[in-house]
C-alpha cells in the first residue's frame, strides 16, 4: 500500500493502492510513523492513479493534521484533480501548510528547495 524512499533529502512516500474506508487509519498512521522517523526531512506523499480516492485523501489529511506539530514541510502530488481539490479544501491550516501539486517532479523540487 505504501512505499518509501529518500530523494534529494526529501522523504517520498508513495501510496500505490486505495486503502478503502477501513484502511484509512492504518495508512495515516504509517505516513505519520515515517514522518516522525525521518524528521526534519520534508515529506512528499505521492498518490498514484490507482490510489486516488476520497479514502486516500482522508488518510493523507489525517496524517497531515497529526504531523503538523512536527513543523515538517508536508506536500502531496497527484494527477487526480478531484483528489487535489479535496486535499486543498479540507487541509488543516493550523500548523505546517499542506502543499498540493499536480506533478511529482515539481513537488519534489519544491520540497527540496524549501528545505535548503
N, C-alpha and C. Protein backbone atom coordinates (compact mmCIF):
# COMPACT_ATOMS: atom_id res chain seq x y z
N UNK A 1 0.81 -1.19 0.00
CA UNK A 1 0.00 0.00 0.00
C UNK A 1 0.86 1.26 0.00
N UNK A 2 1.97 1.28 0.74
CA UNK A 2 2.81 2.46 0.89
C UNK A 2 4.27 2.07 0.75
N UNK A 3 4.99 2.78 -0.10
CA UNK A 3 6.44 2.56 -0.20
C UNK A 3 7.13 3.87 0.12
N UNK A 4 8.42 3.78 0.44
CA UNK A 4 9.16 5.00 0.77
C UNK A 4 10.56 4.96 0.18
N UNK A 5 11.09 6.15 -0.03
CA UNK A 5 12.47 6.34 -0.47
C UNK A 5 12.88 7.75 -0.10
N UNK A 6 14.18 7.99 -0.09
CA UNK A 6 14.68 9.36 0.10
C UNK A 6 15.27 9.82 -1.22
N UNK A 7 14.91 11.00 -1.60
CA UNK A 7 15.42 11.58 -2.84
C UNK A 7 15.72 13.05 -2.58
N UNK A 8 16.97 13.45 -2.77
CA UNK A 8 17.40 14.84 -2.51
C UNK A 8 17.02 15.28 -1.10
N UNK A 9 17.24 14.42 -0.11
CA UNK A 9 16.91 14.70 1.29
C UNK A 9 15.43 14.89 1.55
N UNK A 10 14.59 14.47 0.65
CA UNK A 10 13.13 14.52 0.82
C UNK A 10 12.64 13.09 0.99
N UNK A 11 11.82 12.87 2.01
CA UNK A 11 11.19 11.57 2.20
C UNK A 11 10.00 11.49 1.24
N UNK A 12 10.06 10.54 0.32
CA UNK A 12 8.99 10.37 -0.67
C UNK A 12 8.21 9.11 -0.30
N UNK A 13 6.95 9.29 0.03
CA UNK A 13 6.06 8.18 0.36
C UNK A 13 5.07 8.03 -0.79
N UNK A 14 5.00 6.84 -1.36
CA UNK A 14 4.11 6.61 -2.49
C UNK A 14 2.97 5.69 -2.08
N UNK A 15 1.76 6.21 -2.24
CA UNK A 15 0.56 5.42 -1.96
C UNK A 15 0.19 4.74 -3.27
N UNK A 16 0.26 3.42 -3.29
CA UNK A 16 0.09 2.66 -4.52
C UNK A 16 -1.32 2.13 -4.74
N UNK A 17 -2.09 2.00 -3.66
CA UNK A 17 -3.45 1.47 -3.81
C UNK A 17 -4.39 2.14 -2.83
N UNK A 18 -5.63 2.16 -3.19
CA UNK A 18 -6.67 2.76 -2.37
C UNK A 18 -6.81 1.96 -1.07
N UNK A 19 -6.70 2.62 0.09
CA UNK A 19 -6.81 1.88 1.35
C UNK A 19 -8.25 1.51 1.69
N UNK A 20 -9.21 2.13 1.00
CA UNK A 20 -10.61 1.91 1.33
C UNK A 20 -10.96 2.57 2.65
N UNK A 21 -12.21 2.55 2.94
CA UNK A 21 -12.69 3.19 4.18
C UNK A 21 -12.02 2.57 5.41
N UNK A 22 -11.90 1.25 5.41
CA UNK A 22 -11.37 0.57 6.60
C UNK A 22 -9.86 0.69 6.75
N UNK A 23 -9.14 1.10 5.70
CA UNK A 23 -7.69 1.20 5.78
C UNK A 23 -7.16 2.60 5.97
N UNK A 24 -8.05 3.57 6.09
CA UNK A 24 -7.61 4.98 6.21
C UNK A 24 -6.75 5.22 7.44
N UNK A 25 -7.17 4.73 8.58
CA UNK A 25 -6.43 4.97 9.82
C UNK A 25 -5.04 4.35 9.76
N UNK A 26 -4.96 3.14 9.21
CA UNK A 26 -3.65 2.47 9.11
C UNK A 26 -2.72 3.25 8.18
N UNK A 27 -3.22 3.71 7.05
CA UNK A 27 -2.40 4.49 6.12
C UNK A 27 -1.93 5.78 6.78
N UNK A 28 -2.82 6.48 7.46
CA UNK A 28 -2.44 7.72 8.14
C UNK A 28 -1.36 7.47 9.19
N UNK A 29 -1.51 6.39 9.93
CA UNK A 29 -0.52 6.05 10.96
C UNK A 29 0.84 5.73 10.34
N UNK A 30 0.84 5.00 9.24
CA UNK A 30 2.11 4.66 8.58
C UNK A 30 2.80 5.91 8.03
N UNK A 31 2.02 6.82 7.46
CA UNK A 31 2.60 8.08 6.97
C UNK A 31 3.20 8.86 8.14
N UNK A 32 2.47 8.93 9.24
CA UNK A 32 2.95 9.65 10.42
C UNK A 32 4.22 9.00 10.99
N UNK A 33 4.24 7.68 11.04
CA UNK A 33 5.42 6.97 11.56
C UNK A 33 6.66 7.27 10.72
N UNK A 34 6.52 7.23 9.40
CA UNK A 34 7.66 7.56 8.53
C UNK A 34 8.08 9.02 8.72
N UNK A 35 7.12 9.91 8.83
CA UNK A 35 7.42 11.32 9.01
C UNK A 35 8.21 11.55 10.29
N UNK A 36 7.78 10.93 11.36
CA UNK A 36 8.49 11.07 12.63
C UNK A 36 9.89 10.46 12.56
N UNK A 37 10.03 9.33 11.89
CA UNK A 37 11.32 8.65 11.81
C UNK A 37 12.34 9.44 10.99
N UNK A 38 11.88 10.17 10.00
CA UNK A 38 12.80 10.88 9.11
C UNK A 38 12.83 12.39 9.36
N UNK A 39 12.13 12.88 10.37
CA UNK A 39 12.12 14.32 10.59
C UNK A 39 13.53 14.80 10.88
N UNK A 40 13.93 15.94 10.47
CA UNK A 40 13.14 17.04 9.94
C UNK A 40 13.04 17.06 8.41
N UNK A 41 13.31 15.93 7.76
CA UNK A 41 13.22 15.89 6.29
C UNK A 41 11.83 16.26 5.82
N UNK A 42 11.73 17.03 4.75
CA UNK A 42 10.42 17.31 4.16
C UNK A 42 9.79 16.00 3.68
N UNK A 43 8.47 15.96 3.67
CA UNK A 43 7.74 14.76 3.26
C UNK A 43 6.93 15.08 2.02
N UNK A 44 7.04 14.20 1.02
CA UNK A 44 6.23 14.29 -0.18
C UNK A 44 5.44 12.99 -0.29
N UNK A 45 4.12 13.10 -0.25
CA UNK A 45 3.25 11.93 -0.42
C UNK A 45 2.78 11.94 -1.87
N UNK A 46 3.14 10.90 -2.61
CA UNK A 46 2.72 10.75 -4.00
C UNK A 46 1.55 9.77 -4.02
N UNK A 47 0.45 10.22 -4.58
CA UNK A 47 -0.74 9.37 -4.69
C UNK A 47 -0.83 8.89 -6.13
N UNK A 48 -0.53 7.61 -6.34
CA UNK A 48 -0.63 7.03 -7.68
C UNK A 48 -2.08 7.05 -8.16
N UNK A 49 -2.24 6.95 -9.48
CA UNK A 49 -3.59 6.99 -10.06
C UNK A 49 -4.51 5.94 -9.47
N UNK A 50 -4.00 4.73 -9.23
CA UNK A 50 -4.82 3.66 -8.68
C UNK A 50 -5.21 3.87 -7.22
N UNK A 51 -4.56 4.81 -6.56
CA UNK A 51 -4.85 5.09 -5.15
C UNK A 51 -5.64 6.37 -4.96
N UNK A 52 -5.88 7.09 -6.05
CA UNK A 52 -6.57 8.38 -5.96
C UNK A 52 -8.04 8.17 -5.62
N UNK A 53 -8.38 8.44 -4.37
CA UNK A 53 -9.75 8.24 -3.91
C UNK A 53 -10.01 9.15 -2.72
N UNK A 54 -11.28 9.34 -2.38
CA UNK A 54 -11.58 10.09 -1.17
C UNK A 54 -10.99 9.46 0.09
N UNK A 55 -10.93 8.13 0.15
CA UNK A 55 -10.36 7.46 1.32
C UNK A 55 -8.88 7.78 1.47
N UNK A 56 -8.15 7.79 0.36
CA UNK A 56 -6.73 8.14 0.40
C UNK A 56 -6.57 9.60 0.83
N UNK A 57 -7.36 10.48 0.26
CA UNK A 57 -7.30 11.90 0.63
C UNK A 57 -7.57 12.06 2.13
N UNK A 58 -8.55 11.34 2.64
CA UNK A 58 -8.87 11.40 4.06
C UNK A 58 -7.69 10.96 4.92
N UNK A 59 -7.03 9.88 4.53
CA UNK A 59 -5.88 9.38 5.28
C UNK A 59 -4.73 10.38 5.25
N UNK A 60 -4.48 10.98 4.09
CA UNK A 60 -3.40 11.95 3.96
C UNK A 60 -3.71 13.19 4.81
N UNK A 61 -4.95 13.64 4.79
CA UNK A 61 -5.33 14.80 5.61
C UNK A 61 -5.18 14.49 7.10
N UNK A 62 -5.55 13.29 7.49
CA UNK A 62 -5.39 12.90 8.89
C UNK A 62 -3.92 12.88 9.28
N UNK A 63 -3.08 12.31 8.42
CA UNK A 63 -1.64 12.28 8.69
C UNK A 63 -1.08 13.69 8.77
N UNK A 64 -1.50 14.55 7.86
CA UNK A 64 -1.03 15.93 7.89
C UNK A 64 -1.41 16.61 9.21
N UNK A 65 -2.64 16.43 9.66
CA UNK A 65 -3.07 17.01 10.94
C UNK A 65 -2.21 16.49 12.09
N UNK A 66 -1.96 15.18 12.08
CA UNK A 66 -1.19 14.58 13.17
C UNK A 66 0.27 15.02 13.14
N UNK A 67 0.78 15.27 11.97
CA UNK A 67 2.19 15.65 11.83
C UNK A 67 2.43 17.16 11.89
N UNK A 68 1.38 17.94 11.89
CA UNK A 68 1.56 19.39 11.81
C UNK A 68 2.34 19.95 12.99
N UNK A 69 2.25 19.32 14.14
CA UNK A 69 3.00 19.79 15.30
C UNK A 69 4.51 19.60 15.14
N UNK A 70 4.91 18.74 14.21
CA UNK A 70 6.33 18.49 13.98
C UNK A 70 6.99 19.62 13.17
N UNK A 71 6.16 20.48 12.60
CA UNK A 71 6.64 21.60 11.78
C UNK A 71 7.53 21.12 10.63
N UNK A 72 7.09 20.04 10.00
CA UNK A 72 7.79 19.46 8.85
C UNK A 72 7.03 19.84 7.59
N UNK A 73 7.76 20.24 6.56
CA UNK A 73 7.13 20.54 5.27
C UNK A 73 6.48 19.27 4.76
N UNK A 74 5.19 19.33 4.49
CA UNK A 74 4.39 18.17 4.10
C UNK A 74 3.68 18.52 2.81
N UNK A 75 3.99 17.80 1.75
CA UNK A 75 3.35 18.10 0.47
C UNK A 75 2.84 16.82 -0.16
N UNK A 76 1.95 17.01 -1.14
CA UNK A 76 1.31 15.89 -1.83
C UNK A 76 1.38 16.14 -3.32
N UNK A 77 1.55 15.08 -4.08
CA UNK A 77 1.50 15.16 -5.55
C UNK A 77 0.54 14.09 -6.05
N UNK A 78 -0.39 14.53 -6.88
CA UNK A 78 -1.32 13.60 -7.52
C UNK A 78 -1.83 14.21 -8.81
N UNK A 79 -1.99 13.37 -9.82
CA UNK A 79 -2.53 13.83 -11.10
C UNK A 79 -4.04 14.05 -11.02
N UNK A 80 -4.67 13.44 -10.04
CA UNK A 80 -6.13 13.43 -9.95
C UNK A 80 -6.67 14.75 -9.41
N UNK A 81 -7.32 15.51 -10.28
CA UNK A 81 -7.83 16.84 -9.90
C UNK A 81 -8.87 16.79 -8.77
N UNK A 82 -9.83 15.85 -8.79
CA UNK A 82 -10.78 15.81 -7.67
C UNK A 82 -10.11 15.56 -6.31
N UNK A 83 -9.09 14.71 -6.29
CA UNK A 83 -8.38 14.45 -5.03
C UNK A 83 -7.60 15.69 -4.61
N UNK A 84 -6.97 16.38 -5.56
CA UNK A 84 -6.27 17.62 -5.22
C UNK A 84 -7.24 18.63 -4.60
N UNK A 85 -8.42 18.76 -5.18
CA UNK A 85 -9.41 19.69 -4.62
C UNK A 85 -9.84 19.28 -3.20
N UNK A 86 -10.06 17.98 -3.00
CA UNK A 86 -10.41 17.50 -1.66
C UNK A 86 -9.33 17.87 -0.65
N UNK A 87 -8.08 17.65 -1.04
CA UNK A 87 -6.97 17.95 -0.15
C UNK A 87 -6.87 19.45 0.14
N UNK A 88 -6.96 20.25 -0.90
CA UNK A 88 -6.84 21.70 -0.73
C UNK A 88 -8.00 22.27 0.09
N UNK A 89 -9.20 21.78 -0.17
CA UNK A 89 -10.39 22.31 0.51
C UNK A 89 -10.47 21.90 1.98
N UNK A 90 -9.85 20.79 2.33
CA UNK A 90 -10.00 20.25 3.69
C UNK A 90 -8.73 20.25 4.51
N UNK A 91 -7.67 20.86 4.00
CA UNK A 91 -6.39 20.87 4.71
C UNK A 91 -6.49 21.68 6.00
N UNK A 92 -5.83 21.19 7.02
CA UNK A 92 -5.77 21.87 8.31
C UNK A 92 -4.83 23.06 8.17
N UNK A 93 -5.27 24.21 8.57
CA UNK A 93 -4.46 25.42 8.39
C UNK A 93 -3.76 25.86 9.67
N UNK A 94 -3.83 25.06 10.71
CA UNK A 94 -3.24 25.46 11.99
C UNK A 94 -1.73 25.33 12.04
N UNK A 95 -1.18 24.25 11.51
CA UNK A 95 0.26 24.01 11.61
C UNK A 95 0.95 24.26 10.29
N UNK A 96 1.86 23.37 9.96
CA UNK A 96 2.57 23.47 8.69
C UNK A 96 1.56 23.31 7.55
N UNK A 97 1.69 24.18 6.58
CA UNK A 97 0.75 24.21 5.46
C UNK A 97 0.89 22.95 4.59
N UNK A 98 -0.23 22.44 4.11
CA UNK A 98 -0.22 21.32 3.16
C UNK A 98 -0.10 21.90 1.76
N UNK A 99 0.93 21.49 1.04
CA UNK A 99 1.16 21.95 -0.32
C UNK A 99 0.77 20.82 -1.26
N UNK A 100 -0.08 21.12 -2.24
CA UNK A 100 -0.59 20.10 -3.16
C UNK A 100 -0.16 20.44 -4.58
N UNK A 101 0.46 19.47 -5.25
CA UNK A 101 0.98 19.65 -6.62
C UNK A 101 0.36 18.64 -7.56
N UNK A 102 0.23 19.00 -8.85
CA UNK A 102 -0.26 18.03 -9.83
C UNK A 102 0.87 17.17 -10.42
N UNK A 103 2.13 17.60 -10.23
CA UNK A 103 3.26 16.87 -10.82
C UNK A 103 4.29 16.51 -9.76
N UNK A 104 4.77 15.29 -9.81
CA UNK A 104 5.73 14.79 -8.83
C UNK A 104 7.06 15.52 -8.95
N UNK A 105 7.56 15.73 -10.15
CA UNK A 105 8.86 16.37 -10.31
C UNK A 105 8.87 17.78 -9.73
N UNK A 106 7.81 18.53 -9.96
CA UNK A 106 7.71 19.89 -9.43
C UNK A 106 7.59 19.85 -7.91
N UNK A 107 6.81 18.91 -7.40
CA UNK A 107 6.63 18.78 -5.95
C UNK A 107 7.95 18.44 -5.27
N UNK A 108 8.71 17.52 -5.86
CA UNK A 108 9.99 17.12 -5.29
C UNK A 108 10.98 18.28 -5.29
N UNK A 109 11.07 18.98 -6.39
CA UNK A 109 11.98 20.13 -6.49
C UNK A 109 11.56 21.23 -5.50
N UNK A 110 10.28 21.47 -5.39
CA UNK A 110 9.77 22.48 -4.47
C UNK A 110 10.11 22.13 -3.01
N UNK A 111 9.90 20.88 -2.63
CA UNK A 111 10.20 20.45 -1.25
C UNK A 111 11.69 20.54 -0.97
N UNK A 112 12.50 20.13 -1.92
CA UNK A 112 13.95 20.19 -1.74
C UNK A 112 14.42 21.63 -1.60
N UNK A 113 13.91 22.51 -2.45
CA UNK A 113 14.31 23.92 -2.43
C UNK A 113 13.86 24.58 -1.13
N UNK A 114 12.64 24.30 -0.70
CA UNK A 114 12.12 24.90 0.53
C UNK A 114 12.92 24.48 1.75
N UNK A 115 13.42 23.25 1.74
CA UNK A 115 14.16 22.74 2.90
C UNK A 115 15.62 23.20 2.92
N UNK A 116 16.11 23.64 1.78
CA UNK A 116 17.54 24.03 1.72
C UNK A 116 17.81 25.33 2.42
